Amino acid sequence: MSGFDLNDLMKQAQQMQQQMQQAQEEIANETVEGSAGGGAVKVTATGNGKITGIAIAKEAIDPNDPEALGDLVLAAVNNALENAEALAKSKLNLGALGDLGKGFGL
């Protein structure tokens, strides 16, 4: 009969926590890009979702249609944030959590 080793379990939990912290630091230091309008608007973000830059091609600026530019910026930001989320999920290996990850909103 095998015994339950609480110390072993605690060591494993500490290792997992250290790995998660390291992955989170890596994610924060990586950048992702989102774009819209065939690259007319590009948004750069960190892996943890902080927007760090927006580049707009002058062809995307139509003074008679400012709403279109707003739509392009919004689409590019959303694309960048989706890419950041995908990066985070891959780095944190959230797929390995299975249904457990759903309980954490991941």
N, C-alpha and C. Protein backbone atom coordinates (compact mmCIF):
# COMPACT_ATOMS: atom_id res chain seq x y z
N MET A 1 0.85 -1.19 0.00
CA MET A 1 0.00 0.00 0.00
C MET A 1 0.89 1.24 0.00
N SER A 2 0.69 2.12 -0.95
CA SER A 2 1.52 3.31 -1.05
C SER A 2 0.96 4.43 -0.17
N GLY A 3 1.88 5.14 0.48
CA GLY A 3 1.45 6.22 1.36
C GLY A 3 1.36 7.54 0.62
N PHE A 4 0.59 8.44 1.14
CA PHE A 4 0.41 9.77 0.58
C PHE A 4 1.46 10.66 1.21
N ASP A 5 2.31 11.28 0.39
CA ASP A 5 3.39 12.12 0.88
C ASP A 5 3.03 13.59 0.67
N LEU A 6 2.63 14.24 1.75
CA LEU A 6 2.23 15.64 1.68
C LEU A 6 3.40 16.54 1.29
N ASN A 7 4.60 16.21 1.77
CA ASN A 7 5.78 17.02 1.43
C ASN A 7 6.06 16.98 -0.07
N ASP A 8 5.91 15.81 -0.65
CA ASP A 8 6.10 15.67 -2.09
C ASP A 8 5.08 16.51 -2.86
N LEU A 9 3.85 16.46 -2.41
CA LEU A 9 2.80 17.24 -3.04
C LEU A 9 3.07 18.73 -2.94
N MET A 10 3.55 19.18 -1.80
CA MET A 10 3.87 20.59 -1.61
C MET A 10 5.03 21.02 -2.52
N LYS A 11 6.05 20.16 -2.67
CA LYS A 11 7.16 20.47 -3.55
C LYS A 11 6.68 20.60 -5.00
N GLN A 12 5.80 19.71 -5.41
CA GLN A 12 5.26 19.76 -6.77
C GLN A 12 4.46 21.04 -6.98
N ALA A 13 3.67 21.41 -5.97
CA ALA A 13 2.87 22.63 -6.07
C ALA A 13 3.77 23.86 -6.18
N GLN A 14 4.86 23.89 -5.41
CA GLN A 14 5.79 25.02 -5.47
C GLN A 14 6.47 25.09 -6.84
N GLN A 15 6.84 23.93 -7.40
CA GLN A 15 7.45 23.92 -8.72
C GLN A 15 6.48 24.44 -9.77
N MET A 16 5.22 24.01 -9.68
CA MET A 16 4.22 24.47 -10.63
C MET A 16 4.03 25.97 -10.52
N GLN A 17 4.01 26.48 -9.29
CA GLN A 17 3.83 27.92 -9.08
C GLN A 17 5.02 28.69 -9.67
N GLN A 18 6.23 28.19 -9.49
CA GLN A 18 7.41 28.85 -10.05
C GLN A 18 7.36 28.84 -11.57
N GLN A 19 6.93 27.73 -12.16
CA GLN A 19 6.82 27.64 -13.61
C GLN A 19 5.78 28.62 -14.14
N MET A 20 4.66 28.74 -13.43
CA MET A 20 3.61 29.68 -13.84
C MET A 20 4.12 31.12 -13.77
N GLN A 21 4.83 31.45 -12.71
CA GLN A 21 5.37 32.81 -12.57
C GLN A 21 6.37 33.11 -13.67
N GLN A 22 7.22 32.14 -13.98
CA GLN A 22 8.20 32.34 -15.05
C GLN A 22 7.50 32.52 -16.39
N ALA A 23 6.47 31.72 -16.65
CA ALA A 23 5.73 31.85 -17.90
C ALA A 23 5.05 33.21 -17.98
N GLN A 24 4.49 33.68 -16.88
CA GLN A 24 3.82 34.98 -16.87
C GLN A 24 4.82 36.11 -17.15
N GLU A 25 6.03 36.00 -16.62
CA GLU A 25 7.06 37.00 -16.89
C GLU A 25 7.45 36.98 -18.37
N GLU A 26 7.59 35.78 -18.93
CA GLU A 26 7.92 35.66 -20.35
C GLU A 26 6.82 36.28 -21.20
N ILE A 27 5.59 36.02 -20.85
CA ILE A 27 4.45 36.55 -21.60
C ILE A 27 4.46 38.07 -21.59
N ALA A 28 4.72 38.65 -20.43
CA ALA A 28 4.73 40.11 -20.30
C ALA A 28 5.83 40.74 -21.14
N ASN A 29 6.91 39.99 -21.39
CA ASN A 29 8.03 40.53 -22.16
C ASN A 29 7.92 40.28 -23.66
N GLU A 30 6.98 39.47 -24.07
CA GLU A 30 6.80 39.21 -25.49
C GLU A 30 5.78 40.18 -26.07
N THR A 31 5.88 40.39 -27.38
CA THR A 31 4.92 41.26 -28.04
C THR A 31 4.17 40.49 -29.12
N VAL A 32 2.97 40.94 -29.36
CA VAL A 32 2.13 40.40 -30.42
C VAL A 32 1.64 41.57 -31.24
N GLU A 33 1.15 41.26 -32.43
CA GLU A 33 0.63 42.33 -33.29
C GLU A 33 -0.75 41.94 -33.79
N GLY A 34 -1.57 42.94 -33.95
CA GLY A 34 -2.88 42.76 -34.58
C GLY A 34 -2.98 43.77 -35.71
N SER A 35 -3.76 43.43 -36.72
CA SER A 35 -3.90 44.37 -37.82
C SER A 35 -5.30 44.31 -38.39
N ALA A 36 -5.61 45.32 -39.16
CA ALA A 36 -6.91 45.40 -39.84
C ALA A 36 -6.73 46.20 -41.11
N GLY A 37 -7.67 46.04 -42.02
CA GLY A 37 -7.63 46.78 -43.27
C GLY A 37 -6.43 46.41 -44.12
N GLY A 38 -6.09 45.13 -44.13
CA GLY A 38 -4.96 44.69 -44.92
C GLY A 38 -3.64 45.27 -44.44
N GLY A 39 -3.54 45.54 -43.15
CA GLY A 39 -2.32 46.11 -42.57
C GLY A 39 -2.32 47.62 -42.51
N ALA A 40 -3.44 48.26 -42.88
CA ALA A 40 -3.52 49.72 -42.82
C ALA A 40 -3.43 50.22 -41.38
N VAL A 41 -3.92 49.41 -40.44
CA VAL A 41 -3.80 49.74 -39.02
C VAL A 41 -3.15 48.55 -38.34
N LYS A 42 -2.07 48.82 -37.61
CA LYS A 42 -1.36 47.78 -36.87
C LYS A 42 -1.27 48.19 -35.41
N VAL A 43 -1.54 47.21 -34.55
CA VAL A 43 -1.50 47.44 -33.11
C VAL A 43 -0.51 46.45 -32.51
N THR A 44 0.36 46.95 -31.66
CA THR A 44 1.32 46.11 -30.95
C THR A 44 0.90 46.06 -29.48
N ALA A 45 0.99 44.86 -28.91
CA ALA A 45 0.63 44.68 -27.50
C ALA A 45 1.61 43.70 -26.86
N THR A 46 1.69 43.78 -25.54
CA THR A 46 2.47 42.78 -24.82
C THR A 46 1.64 41.51 -24.73
N GLY A 47 2.29 40.43 -24.37
CA GLY A 47 1.59 39.16 -24.24
C GLY A 47 0.52 39.17 -23.17
N ASN A 48 0.63 40.10 -22.21
CA ASN A 48 -0.40 40.17 -21.18
C ASN A 48 -1.46 41.24 -21.47
N GLY A 49 -1.49 41.71 -22.72
CA GLY A 49 -2.60 42.54 -23.17
C GLY A 49 -2.46 44.04 -23.03
N LYS A 50 -1.27 44.54 -22.77
CA LYS A 50 -1.07 45.99 -22.70
C LYS A 50 -0.73 46.51 -24.10
N ILE A 51 -1.53 47.45 -24.58
CA ILE A 51 -1.30 48.03 -25.90
C ILE A 51 -0.07 48.93 -25.81
N THR A 52 0.91 48.68 -26.69
CA THR A 52 2.15 49.46 -26.65
C THR A 52 2.35 50.34 -27.87
N GLY A 53 1.57 50.13 -28.91
CA GLY A 53 1.73 50.97 -30.08
C GLY A 53 0.61 50.79 -31.08
N ILE A 54 0.33 51.86 -31.81
CA ILE A 54 -0.66 51.84 -32.89
C ILE A 54 -0.04 52.57 -34.07
N ALA A 55 -0.03 51.91 -35.21
CA ALA A 55 0.49 52.52 -36.44
C ALA A 55 -0.63 52.57 -37.46
N ILE A 56 -0.83 53.75 -38.03
CA ILE A 56 -1.90 53.95 -39.01
C ILE A 56 -1.29 54.46 -40.31
N ALA A 57 -1.53 53.71 -41.38
CA ALA A 57 -1.05 54.15 -42.69
C ALA A 57 -1.86 55.35 -43.13
N LYS A 58 -1.23 56.30 -43.80
CA LYS A 58 -1.96 57.52 -44.16
C LYS A 58 -3.10 57.23 -45.13
N GLU A 59 -3.00 56.12 -45.88
CA GLU A 59 -4.12 55.77 -46.77
C GLU A 59 -5.39 55.41 -45.99
N ALA A 60 -5.23 55.05 -44.72
CA ALA A 60 -6.38 54.67 -43.91
C ALA A 60 -7.13 55.88 -43.36
N ILE A 61 -6.55 57.04 -43.52
CA ILE A 61 -7.15 58.26 -42.96
C ILE A 61 -7.97 58.97 -44.04
N ASP A 62 -9.26 58.86 -43.89
CA ASP A 62 -10.18 59.55 -44.81
C ASP A 62 -10.95 60.57 -43.99
N PRO A 63 -10.67 61.86 -44.18
CA PRO A 63 -11.35 62.88 -43.37
C PRO A 63 -12.87 62.87 -43.53
N ASN A 64 -13.35 62.30 -44.63
CA ASN A 64 -14.79 62.23 -44.85
C ASN A 64 -15.43 61.00 -44.21
N ASP A 65 -14.60 60.09 -43.65
CA ASP A 65 -15.15 58.87 -43.06
C ASP A 65 -14.35 58.48 -41.81
N PRO A 66 -14.40 59.31 -40.76
CA PRO A 66 -13.63 58.99 -39.55
C PRO A 66 -14.10 57.71 -38.86
N GLU A 67 -15.37 57.36 -39.07
CA GLU A 67 -15.89 56.14 -38.45
C GLU A 67 -15.16 54.90 -38.96
N ALA A 68 -14.80 54.91 -40.25
CA ALA A 68 -14.09 53.76 -40.82
C ALA A 68 -12.74 53.57 -40.14
N LEU A 69 -12.04 54.67 -39.87
CA LEU A 69 -10.75 54.57 -39.18
C LEU A 69 -10.96 54.03 -37.77
N GLY A 70 -11.98 54.51 -37.10
CA GLY A 70 -12.29 54.00 -35.76
C GLY A 70 -12.56 52.51 -35.78
N ASP A 71 -13.29 52.05 -36.79
CA ASP A 71 -13.59 50.63 -36.92
C ASP A 71 -12.31 49.82 -37.15
N LEU A 72 -11.42 50.36 -37.98
CA LEU A 72 -10.16 49.66 -38.24
C LEU A 72 -9.30 49.57 -36.98
N VAL A 73 -9.22 50.66 -36.24
CA VAL A 73 -8.45 50.66 -35.00
C VAL A 73 -9.03 49.66 -34.01
N LEU A 74 -10.34 49.67 -33.87
CA LEU A 74 -11.00 48.73 -32.95
C LEU A 74 -10.73 47.29 -33.37
N ALA A 75 -10.84 47.00 -34.65
CA ALA A 75 -10.59 45.64 -35.14
C ALA A 75 -9.14 45.22 -34.91
N ALA A 76 -8.20 46.13 -35.13
CA ALA A 76 -6.79 45.81 -34.94
C ALA A 76 -6.47 45.59 -33.46
N VAL A 77 -7.06 46.41 -32.58
CA VAL A 77 -6.86 46.23 -31.14
C VAL A 77 -7.40 44.87 -30.71
N ASN A 78 -8.61 44.56 -31.14
CA ASN A 78 -9.20 43.27 -30.77
C ASN A 78 -8.36 42.11 -31.30
N ASN A 79 -7.83 42.24 -32.51
CA ASN A 79 -6.97 41.21 -33.07
C ASN A 79 -5.69 41.04 -32.24
N ALA A 80 -5.10 42.15 -31.83
CA ALA A 80 -3.89 42.09 -31.00
C ALA A 80 -4.19 41.42 -29.66
N LEU A 81 -5.31 41.77 -29.05
CA LEU A 81 -5.67 41.17 -27.76
C LEU A 81 -5.98 39.68 -27.89
N GLU A 82 -6.59 39.29 -29.00
CA GLU A 82 -6.83 37.86 -29.25
C GLU A 82 -5.49 37.13 -29.39
N ASN A 83 -4.55 37.75 -30.09
CA ASN A 83 -3.23 37.14 -30.25
C ASN A 83 -2.49 37.05 -28.92
N ALA A 84 -2.66 38.06 -28.06
CA ALA A 84 -2.05 38.03 -26.74
C ALA A 84 -2.65 36.91 -25.90
N GLU A 85 -3.95 36.73 -25.99
CA GLU A 85 -4.61 35.66 -25.24
C GLU A 85 -4.14 34.29 -25.73
N ALA A 86 -4.01 34.14 -27.03
CA ALA A 86 -3.53 32.87 -27.59
C ALA A 86 -2.10 32.58 -27.13
N LEU A 87 -1.27 33.62 -27.11
CA LEU A 87 0.11 33.46 -26.63
C LEU A 87 0.12 33.02 -25.17
N ALA A 88 -0.68 33.69 -24.35
CA ALA A 88 -0.73 33.36 -22.93
C ALA A 88 -1.20 31.92 -22.73
N LYS A 89 -2.23 31.53 -23.45
CA LYS A 89 -2.73 30.16 -23.31
C LYS A 89 -1.68 29.14 -23.71
N SER A 90 -0.94 29.43 -24.77
CA SER A 90 0.08 28.47 -25.21
C SER A 90 1.25 28.42 -24.22
N LYS A 91 1.66 29.57 -23.71
CA LYS A 91 2.80 29.61 -22.78
C LYS A 91 2.44 28.98 -21.43
N LEU A 92 1.22 29.20 -21.00
CA LEU A 92 0.80 28.66 -19.71
C LEU A 92 0.29 27.23 -19.83
N ASN A 93 0.24 26.73 -21.07
CA ASN A 93 -0.20 25.36 -21.33
C ASN A 93 -1.57 25.09 -20.72
N LEU A 94 -2.48 26.04 -20.94
CA LEU A 94 -3.80 25.92 -20.35
C LEU A 94 -4.61 24.77 -20.93
N GLY A 95 -4.26 24.32 -22.10
CA GLY A 95 -4.96 23.17 -22.65
C GLY A 95 -4.78 21.93 -21.80
N ALA A 96 -3.66 21.87 -21.08
CA ALA A 96 -3.39 20.72 -20.22
C ALA A 96 -4.33 20.69 -19.01
N LEU A 97 -4.95 21.82 -18.71
CA LEU A 97 -5.86 21.85 -17.57
C LEU A 97 -7.21 21.20 -17.87
N GLY A 98 -7.51 21.08 -19.14
CA GLY A 98 -8.79 20.49 -19.52
C GLY A 98 -9.94 21.31 -18.99
N ASP A 99 -10.96 20.65 -18.48
CA ASP A 99 -12.13 21.34 -17.96
C ASP A 99 -11.83 22.14 -16.70
N LEU A 100 -10.75 21.82 -16.02
CA LEU A 100 -10.39 22.55 -14.82
C LEU A 100 -10.14 24.03 -15.13
N GLY A 101 -9.52 24.31 -16.28
CA GLY A 101 -9.25 25.68 -16.66
C GLY A 101 -10.50 26.51 -16.83
N LYS A 102 -11.60 25.88 -17.20
CA LYS A 102 -12.86 26.61 -17.38
C LYS A 102 -13.34 27.23 -16.08
N GLY A 103 -13.03 26.60 -14.98
CA GLY A 103 -13.44 27.13 -13.69
C GLY A 103 -12.73 28.42 -13.34
N PHE A 104 -11.63 28.70 -14.00
CA PHE A 104 -10.86 29.90 -13.75
C PHE A 104 -11.09 30.94 -14.82
N GLY A 105 -12.03 30.71 -15.71
CA GLY A 105 -12.33 31.64 -16.77
C GLY A 105 -11.26 31.66 -17.85
N LEU A 106 -10.53 30.58 -18.00
CA LEU A 106 -9.42 30.53 -18.97
C LEU A 106 -9.82 29.76 -20.21
